[in-house]
């Protein structure tokens, strides 16, 4: 219970702090999105490595994830 409360408070702090950081960012919107995507990808891989959840995936699963990611990226671009 205490761990969940700490995680919730950390999430609320980070979400609230993004508005403050938004004024300090001088990148245009497109570059900002790509940098955020890169930082998220690296962070998640690091987190999975630390937790021991990284494992080999079959080629079919990688293909399906790539197709879903491409469809989602096209949705973002055309939205």
PDB file of N, CA and C in Angstrom:
ATOM      1  N   UNK A   1       0.821  -1.193   0.000  1.00  0.00           N
ATOM      2  CA  UNK A   1       0.000   0.000   0.000  1.00  0.00           C
ATOM      3  C   UNK A   1       0.864   1.255   0.000  1.00  0.00           C
ATOM      4  N   UNK A   2       1.924   1.257   0.811  1.00  0.00           N
ATOM      5  CA  UNK A   2       2.784   2.431   0.896  1.00  0.00           C
ATOM      6  C   UNK A   2       3.526   2.658  -0.422  1.00  0.00           C
ATOM      7  N   UNK A   3       3.950   1.554  -1.061  1.00  0.00           N
ATOM      8  CA  UNK A   3       4.654   1.673  -2.338  1.00  0.00           C
ATOM      9  C   UNK A   3       3.740   2.295  -3.407  1.00  0.00           C
ATOM     10  N   UNK A   4       2.501   1.850  -3.434  1.00  0.00           N
ATOM     11  CA  UNK A   4       1.537   2.393  -4.399  1.00  0.00           C
ATOM     12  C   UNK A   4       1.288   3.879  -4.152  1.00  0.00           C
ATOM     13  N   UNK A   5       1.225   4.284  -2.903  1.00  0.00           N
ATOM     14  CA  UNK A   5       1.013   5.690  -2.572  1.00  0.00           C
ATOM     15  C   UNK A   5       2.199   6.545  -3.025  1.00  0.00           C
ATOM     16  N   UNK A   6       3.392   6.049  -2.829  1.00  0.00           N
ATOM     17  CA  UNK A   6       4.592   6.765  -3.279  1.00  0.00           C
ATOM     18  C   UNK A   6       4.604   6.871  -4.802  1.00  0.00           C
ATOM     19  N   UNK A   7       4.280   5.776  -5.483  1.00  0.00           N
ATOM     20  CA  UNK A   7       4.242   5.803  -6.943  1.00  0.00           C
ATOM     21  C   UNK A   7       3.188   6.777  -7.458  1.00  0.00           C
ATOM     22  N   UNK A   8       2.030   6.801  -6.819  1.00  0.00           N
ATOM     23  CA  UNK A   8       0.975   7.720  -7.236  1.00  0.00           C
ATOM     24  C   UNK A   8       1.408   9.177  -7.036  1.00  0.00           C
ATOM     25  N   UNK A   9       2.013   9.475  -5.903  1.00  0.00           N
ATOM     26  CA  UNK A   9       2.472  10.840  -5.649  1.00  0.00           C
ATOM     27  C   UNK A   9       3.572  11.246  -6.615  1.00  0.00           C
ATOM     28  N   UNK A  10       4.461  10.337  -6.947  1.00  0.00           N
ATOM     29  CA  UNK A  10       5.508  10.630  -7.925  1.00  0.00           C
ATOM     30  C   UNK A  10       4.907  10.911  -9.303  1.00  0.00           C
ATOM     31  N   UNK A  11       3.929  10.109  -9.702  1.00  0.00           N
ATOM     32  CA  UNK A  11       3.273  10.322 -10.997  1.00  0.00           C
ATOM     33  C   UNK A  11       2.565  11.671 -11.042  1.00  0.00           C
ATOM     34  N   UNK A  12       1.859  12.024  -9.978  1.00  0.00           N
ATOM     35  CA  UNK A  12       1.167  13.316  -9.923  1.00  0.00           C
ATOM     36  C   UNK A  12       2.171  14.460  -9.994  1.00  0.00           C
ATOM     37  N   UNK A  13       3.291  14.326  -9.284  1.00  0.00           N
ATOM     38  CA  UNK A  13       4.327  15.363  -9.321  1.00  0.00           C
ATOM     39  C   UNK A  13       4.890  15.520 -10.726  1.00  0.00           C
ATOM     40  N   UNK A  14       5.211  14.398 -11.377  1.00  0.00           N
ATOM     41  CA  UNK A  14       5.776  14.481 -12.725  1.00  0.00           C
ATOM     42  C   UNK A  14       4.788  15.075 -13.717  1.00  0.00           C
ATOM     43  N   UNK A  15       3.525  14.673 -13.641  1.00  0.00           N
ATOM     44  CA  UNK A  15       2.518  15.227 -14.551  1.00  0.00           C
ATOM     45  C   UNK A  15       2.325  16.722 -14.307  1.00  0.00           C
ATOM     46  N   UNK A  16       2.343  17.143 -13.068  1.00  0.00           N
ATOM     47  CA  UNK A  16       2.177  18.553 -12.754  1.00  0.00           C
ATOM     48  C   UNK A  16       3.389  19.388 -13.118  1.00  0.00           C
ATOM     49  N   UNK A  17       4.564  18.788 -13.064  1.00  0.00           N
ATOM     50  CA  UNK A  17       5.798  19.512 -13.329  1.00  0.00           C
ATOM     51  C   UNK A  17       6.033  19.744 -14.826  1.00  0.00           C
ATOM     52  N   UNK A  18       5.349  18.987 -15.686  1.00  0.00           N
ATOM     53  CA  UNK A  18       5.562  19.140 -17.126  1.00  0.00           C
ATOM     54  C   UNK A  18       5.150  20.528 -17.617  1.00  0.00           C
ATOM     55  N   UNK A  19       4.158  21.140 -16.984  1.00  0.00           N
ATOM     56  CA  UNK A  19       3.751  22.485 -17.372  1.00  0.00           C
ATOM     57  C   UNK A  19       4.842  23.502 -17.114  1.00  0.00           C
ATOM     58  N   UNK A  20       5.548  23.342 -16.017  1.00  0.00           N
ATOM     59  CA  UNK A  20       6.659  24.241 -15.688  1.00  0.00           C
ATOM     60  C   UNK A  20       7.781  24.071 -16.694  1.00  0.00           C
ATOM     61  N   UNK A  21       8.092  22.817 -17.020  1.00  0.00           N
ATOM     62  CA  UNK A  21       9.166  22.561 -17.991  1.00  0.00           C
ATOM     63  C   UNK A  21       8.781  22.988 -19.406  1.00  0.00           C
ATOM     64  N   UNK A  22       7.490  23.017 -19.693  1.00  0.00           N
ATOM     65  CA  UNK A  22       7.035  23.383 -21.031  1.00  0.00           C
ATOM     66  C   UNK A  22       7.491  24.767 -21.463  1.00  0.00           C
ATOM     67  N   UNK A  23       7.596  25.687 -20.542  1.00  0.00           N
ATOM     68  CA  UNK A  23       8.042  27.046 -20.867  1.00  0.00           C
ATOM     69  C   UNK A  23       9.527  27.087 -21.191  1.00  0.00           C
ATOM     70  N   UNK A  24      10.300  26.155 -20.647  1.00  0.00           N
ATOM     71  CA  UNK A  24      11.748  26.160 -20.839  1.00  0.00           C
ATOM     72  C   UNK A  24      12.180  25.438 -22.121  1.00  0.00           C
ATOM     73  N   UNK A  25      11.267  24.699 -22.756  1.00  0.00           N
ATOM     74  CA  UNK A  25      11.604  23.919 -23.943  1.00  0.00           C
ATOM     75  C   UNK A  25      11.508  24.813 -25.175  1.00  0.00           C
ATOM     76  N   UNK A  26      12.577  24.808 -25.969  1.00  0.00           N
ATOM     77  CA  UNK A  26      12.600  25.672 -27.151  1.00  0.00           C
ATOM     78  C   UNK A  26      12.477  24.888 -28.460  1.00  0.00           C
ATOM     79  N   UNK A  27      12.204  23.595 -28.399  1.00  0.00           N
ATOM     80  CA  UNK A  27      12.062  22.785 -29.610  1.00  0.00           C
ATOM     81  C   UNK A  27      10.679  22.986 -30.224  1.00  0.00           C
ATOM     82  N   UNK A  28      10.605  22.767 -31.543  1.00  0.00           N
ATOM     83  CA  UNK A  28       9.285  22.799 -32.155  1.00  0.00           C
ATOM     84  C   UNK A  28       8.546  21.504 -31.813  1.00  0.00           C
ATOM     85  N   UNK A  29       7.275  21.452 -32.095  1.00  0.00           N
ATOM     86  CA  UNK A  29       6.431  20.345 -31.652  1.00  0.00           C
ATOM     87  C   UNK A  29       6.878  19.002 -32.217  1.00  0.00           C
ATOM     88  N   UNK A  30       7.245  18.960 -33.493  1.00  0.00           N
ATOM     89  CA  UNK A  30       7.648  17.693 -34.106  1.00  0.00           C
ATOM     90  C   UNK A  30       8.906  17.130 -33.468  1.00  0.00           C
ATOM     91  N   UNK A  31       9.925  17.955 -33.270  1.00  0.00           N
ATOM     92  CA  UNK A  31      11.168  17.484 -32.647  1.00  0.00           C
ATOM     93  C   UNK A  31      10.925  17.070 -31.200  1.00  0.00           C
ATOM     94  N   UNK A  32      10.061  17.784 -30.513  1.00  0.00           N
ATOM     95  CA  UNK A  32       9.752  17.451 -29.122  1.00  0.00           C
ATOM     96  C   UNK A  32       9.116  16.069 -29.019  1.00  0.00           C
ATOM     97  N   UNK A  33       8.203  15.766 -29.924  1.00  0.00           N
ATOM     98  CA  UNK A  33       7.547  14.454 -29.925  1.00  0.00           C
ATOM     99  C   UNK A  33       8.569  13.350 -30.161  1.00  0.00           C
ATOM    100  N   UNK A  34       9.476  13.547 -31.120  1.00  0.00           N
ATOM    101  CA  UNK A  34      10.468  12.501 -31.406  1.00  0.00           C
ATOM    102  C   UNK A  34      11.435  12.319 -30.248  1.00  0.00           C
ATOM    103  N   UNK A  35      11.851  13.389 -29.585  1.00  0.00           N
ATOM    104  CA  UNK A  35      12.739  13.268 -28.426  1.00  0.00           C
ATOM    105  C   UNK A  35      12.033  12.564 -27.278  1.00  0.00           C
ATOM    106  N   UNK A  36      10.777  12.896 -27.049  1.00  0.00           N
ATOM    107  CA  UNK A  36      10.020  12.235 -25.987  1.00  0.00           C
ATOM    108  C   UNK A  36       9.865  10.749 -26.280  1.00  0.00           C
ATOM    109  N   UNK A  37       9.627  10.403 -27.523  1.00  0.00           N
ATOM    110  CA  UNK A  37       9.512   9.005 -27.915  1.00  0.00           C
ATOM    111  C   UNK A  37      10.829   8.263 -27.665  1.00  0.00           C
ATOM    112  N   UNK A  38      11.939   8.871 -28.040  1.00  0.00           N
ATOM    113  CA  UNK A  38      13.251   8.256 -27.831  1.00  0.00           C
ATOM    114  C   UNK A  38      13.551   8.068 -26.342  1.00  0.00           C
ATOM    115  N   UNK A  39      13.287   9.086 -25.548  1.00  0.00           N
ATOM    116  CA  UNK A  39      13.532   8.993 -24.105  1.00  0.00           C
ATOM    117  C   UNK A  39      12.652   7.908 -23.486  1.00  0.00           C
ATOM    118  N   UNK A  40      11.391   7.822 -23.899  1.00  0.00           N
ATOM    119  CA  UNK A  40      10.493   6.800 -23.379  1.00  0.00           C
ATOM    120  C   UNK A  40      10.967   5.407 -23.757  1.00  0.00           C
ATOM    121  N   UNK A  41      11.379   5.237 -25.004  1.00  0.00           N
ATOM    122  CA  UNK A  41      11.841   3.932 -25.460  1.00  0.00           C
ATOM    123  C   UNK A  41      13.067   3.473 -24.669  1.00  0.00           C
ATOM    124  N   UNK A  42      14.027   4.359 -24.496  1.00  0.00           N
ATOM    125  CA  UNK A  42      15.239   4.020 -23.745  1.00  0.00           C
ATOM    126  C   UNK A  42      14.907   3.730 -22.283  1.00  0.00           C
ATOM    127  N   UNK A  43      14.029   4.532 -21.702  1.00  0.00           N
ATOM    128  CA  UNK A  43      13.646   4.336 -20.305  1.00  0.00           C
ATOM    129  C   UNK A  43      12.950   2.992 -20.091  1.00  0.00           C
ATOM    130  N   UNK A  44      12.041   2.637 -20.999  1.00  0.00           N
ATOM    131  CA  UNK A  44      11.340   1.366 -20.855  1.00  0.00           C
ATOM    132  C   UNK A  44      12.280   0.176 -21.023  1.00  0.00           C
ATOM    133  N   UNK A  45      13.197   0.249 -21.989  1.00  0.00           N
ATOM    134  CA  UNK A  45      14.163  -0.839 -22.150  1.00  0.00           C
ATOM    135  C   UNK A  45      15.036  -0.972 -20.910  1.00  0.00           C
ATOM    136  N   UNK A  46      15.460   0.147 -20.349  1.00  0.00           N
ATOM    137  CA  UNK A  46      16.274   0.112 -19.138  1.00  0.00           C
ATOM    138  C   UNK A  46      15.480  -0.492 -17.976  1.00  0.00           C
ATOM    139  N   UNK A  47      14.217  -0.087 -17.842  1.00  0.00           N
ATOM    140  CA  UNK A  47      13.363  -0.615 -16.787  1.00  0.00           C
ATOM    141  C   UNK A  47      13.167  -2.123 -16.944  1.00  0.00           C
ATOM    142  N   UNK A  48      12.895  -2.574 -18.152  1.00  0.00           N
ATOM    143  CA  UNK A  48      12.701  -4.005 -18.389  1.00  0.00           C
ATOM    144  C   UNK A  48      13.986  -4.786 -18.142  1.00  0.00           C
ATOM    145  N   UNK A  49      15.128  -4.211 -18.516  1.00  0.00           N
ATOM    146  CA  UNK A  49      16.400  -4.875 -18.243  1.00  0.00           C
ATOM    147  C   UNK A  49      16.631  -5.010 -16.740  1.00  0.00           C
ATOM    148  N   UNK A  50      16.337  -3.966 -15.997  1.00  0.00           N
ATOM    149  CA  UNK A  50      16.538  -3.996 -14.542  1.00  0.00           C
ATOM    150  C   UNK A  50      15.605  -5.003 -13.865  1.00  0.00           C
ATOM    151  N   UNK A  51      14.410  -5.176 -14.406  1.00  0.00           N
ATOM    152  CA  UNK A  51      13.446  -6.093 -13.819  1.00  0.00           C
ATOM    153  C   UNK A  51      13.586  -7.516 -14.356  1.00  0.00           C
ATOM    154  N   UNK A  52      14.455  -7.702 -15.339  1.00  0.00           N
ATOM    155  CA  UNK A  52      14.657  -9.026 -15.914  1.00  0.00           C
ATOM    156  C   UNK A  52      13.523  -9.488 -16.810  1.00  0.00           C
ATOM    157  N   UNK A  53      12.771  -8.565 -17.378  1.00  0.00           N
ATOM    158  CA  UNK A  53      11.632  -8.930 -18.213  1.00  0.00           C
ATOM    159  C   UNK A  53      11.972  -8.987 -19.703  1.00  0.00           C
ATOM    160  N   UNK A  54      13.195  -8.638 -20.075  1.00  0.00           N
ATOM    161  CA  UNK A  54      13.577  -8.666 -21.482  1.00  0.00           C
ATOM    162  C   UNK A  54      13.820 -10.118 -21.881  1.00  0.00           C
ATOM    163  N   UNK A  55      13.215 -10.529 -22.965  1.00  0.00           N
ATOM    164  CA  UNK A  55      13.397 -11.891 -23.459  1.00  0.00           C
ATOM    165  C   UNK A  55      13.322 -11.887 -24.973  1.00  0.00           C
ATOM    166  N   UNK A  56      13.752 -12.957 -25.556  1.00  0.00           N
ATOM    167  CA  UNK A  56      13.671 -13.069 -27.017  1.00  0.00           C
ATOM    168  C   UNK A  56      12.219 -13.194 -27.444  1.00  0.00           C
ATOM    169  N   UNK A  57      11.917 -12.553 -28.572  1.00  0.00           N
ATOM    170  CA  UNK A  57      10.558 -12.625 -29.098  1.00  0.00           C
ATOM    171  C   UNK A  57      10.615 -13.283 -30.467  1.00  0.00           C
ATOM    172  N   UNK A  58       9.592 -14.048 -30.812  1.00  0.00           N
ATOM    173  CA  UNK A  58       9.532 -14.640 -32.145  1.00  0.00           C
ATOM    174  C   UNK A  58       9.403 -13.556 -33.218  1.00  0.00           C
ATOM    175  N   UNK A  59       9.879 -13.866 -34.400  1.00  0.00           N
ATOM    176  CA  UNK A  59       9.843 -12.903 -35.506  1.00  0.00           C
ATOM    177  C   UNK A  59       8.409 -12.475 -35.812  1.00  0.00           C
ATOM    178  N   UNK A  60       7.456 -13.393 -35.688  1.00  0.00           N
ATOM    179  CA  UNK A  60       6.056 -13.045 -35.967  1.00  0.00           C
ATOM    180  C   UNK A  60       5.550 -11.981 -34.989  1.00  0.00           C
ATOM    181  N   UNK A  61       5.916 -12.089 -33.730  1.00  0.00           N
ATOM    182  CA  UNK A  61       5.492 -11.096 -32.740  1.00  0.00           C
ATOM    183  C   UNK A  61       6.116  -9.736 -33.031  1.00  0.00           C
ATOM    184  N   UNK A  62       7.378  -9.719 -33.400  1.00  0.00           N
ATOM    185  CA  UNK A  62       8.043  -8.459 -33.752  1.00  0.00           C
ATOM    186  C   UNK A  62       7.360  -7.823 -34.948  1.00  0.00           C
ATOM    187  N   UNK A  63       6.998  -8.638 -35.942  1.00  0.00           N
ATOM    188  CA  UNK A  63       6.306  -8.127 -37.124  1.00  0.00           C
ATOM    189  C   UNK A  63       4.950  -7.534 -36.747  1.00  0.00           C
ATOM    190  N   UNK A  64       4.198  -8.229 -35.909  1.00  0.00           N
ATOM    191  CA  UNK A  64       2.882  -7.731 -35.509  1.00  0.00           C
ATOM    192  C   UNK A  64       2.995  -6.431 -34.715  1.00  0.00           C
ATOM    193  N   UNK A  65       3.950  -6.349 -33.818  1.00  0.00           N
ATOM    194  CA  UNK A  65       4.153  -5.119 -33.052  1.00  0.00           C
ATOM    195  C   UNK A  65       4.549  -3.980 -33.986  1.00  0.00           C
ATOM    196  N   UNK A  66       5.385  -4.266 -34.980  1.00  0.00           N
ATOM    197  CA  UNK A  66       5.796  -3.245 -35.942  1.00  0.00           C
ATOM    198  C   UNK A  66       4.618  -2.749 -36.768  1.00  0.00           C
ATOM    199  N   UNK A  67       3.751  -3.655 -37.185  1.00  0.00           N
ATOM    200  CA  UNK A  67       2.573  -3.261 -37.971  1.00  0.00           C
ATOM    201  C   UNK A  67       1.646  -2.383 -37.118  1.00  0.00           C
ATOM    202  N   UNK A  68       1.406  -2.784 -35.883  1.00  0.00           N
ATOM    203  CA  UNK A  68       0.548  -1.993 -34.996  1.00  0.00           C
ATOM    204  C   UNK A  68       1.172  -0.621 -34.743  1.00  0.00           C
ATOM    205  N   UNK A  69       2.476  -0.570 -34.514  1.00  0.00           N
ATOM    206  CA  UNK A  69       3.165   0.705 -34.300  1.00  0.00           C
ATOM    207  C   UNK A  69       3.076   1.605 -35.523  1.00  0.00           C
ATOM    208  N   UNK A  70       3.196   1.017 -36.709  1.00  0.00           N
ATOM    209  CA  UNK A  70       3.100   1.795 -37.951  1.00  0.00           C
ATOM    210  C   UNK A  70       1.696   2.375 -38.118  1.00  0.00           C
ATOM    211  N   UNK A  71       0.686   1.564 -37.841  1.00  0.00           N
ATOM    212  CA  UNK A  71      -0.696   2.052 -37.937  1.00  0.00           C
ATOM    213  C   UNK A  71      -0.933   3.186 -36.933  1.00  0.00           C
ATOM    214  N   UNK A  72      -0.425   3.013 -35.730  1.00  0.00           N
ATOM    215  CA  UNK A  72      -0.597   4.062 -34.718  1.00  0.00           C
ATOM    216  C   UNK A  72       0.162   5.325 -35.120  1.00  0.00           C
ATOM    217  N   UNK A  73       1.363   5.189 -35.656  1.00  0.00           N
ATOM    218  CA  UNK A  73       2.132   6.357 -36.102  1.00  0.00           C
ATOM    219  C   UNK A  73       1.387   7.089 -37.237  1.00  0.00           C
ATOM    220  N   UNK A  74       0.840   6.340 -38.167  1.00  0.00           N
ATOM    221  CA  UNK A  74       0.069   6.964 -39.249  1.00  0.00           C
ATOM    222  C   UNK A  74      -1.151   7.693 -38.690  1.00  0.00           C
ATOM    223  N   UNK A  75      -1.777   7.118 -37.686  1.00  0.00           N
ATOM    224  CA  UNK A  75      -2.915   7.793 -37.057  1.00  0.00           C
ATOM    225  C   UNK A  75      -2.471   9.121 -36.431  1.00  0.00           C
ATOM    226  N   UNK A  76      -1.340   9.113 -35.737  1.00  0.00           N
ATOM    227  CA  UNK A  76      -0.844  10.347 -35.121  1.00  0.00           C
ATOM    228  C   UNK A  76      -0.530  11.406 -36.178  1.00  0.00           C
ATOM    229  N   UNK A  77       0.099  10.977 -37.273  1.00  0.00           N
ATOM    230  CA  UNK A  77       0.498  11.930 -38.312  1.00  0.00           C
ATOM    231  C   UNK A  77      -0.734  12.521 -39.008  1.00  0.00           C
ATOM    232  N   UNK A  78      -1.716  11.685 -39.267  1.00  0.00           N
ATOM    233  CA  UNK A  78      -2.884  12.174 -40.010  1.00  0.00           C
ATOM    234  C   UNK A  78      -3.935  12.822 -39.111  1.00  0.00           C
ATOM    235  N   UNK A  79      -3.830  12.660 -37.804  1.00  0.00           N
ATOM    236  CA  UNK A  79      -4.780  13.253 -36.887  1.00  0.00           C
ATOM    237  C   UNK A  79      -4.469  14.713 -36.733  1.00  0.00           C
TER     238      UNK A  79
END
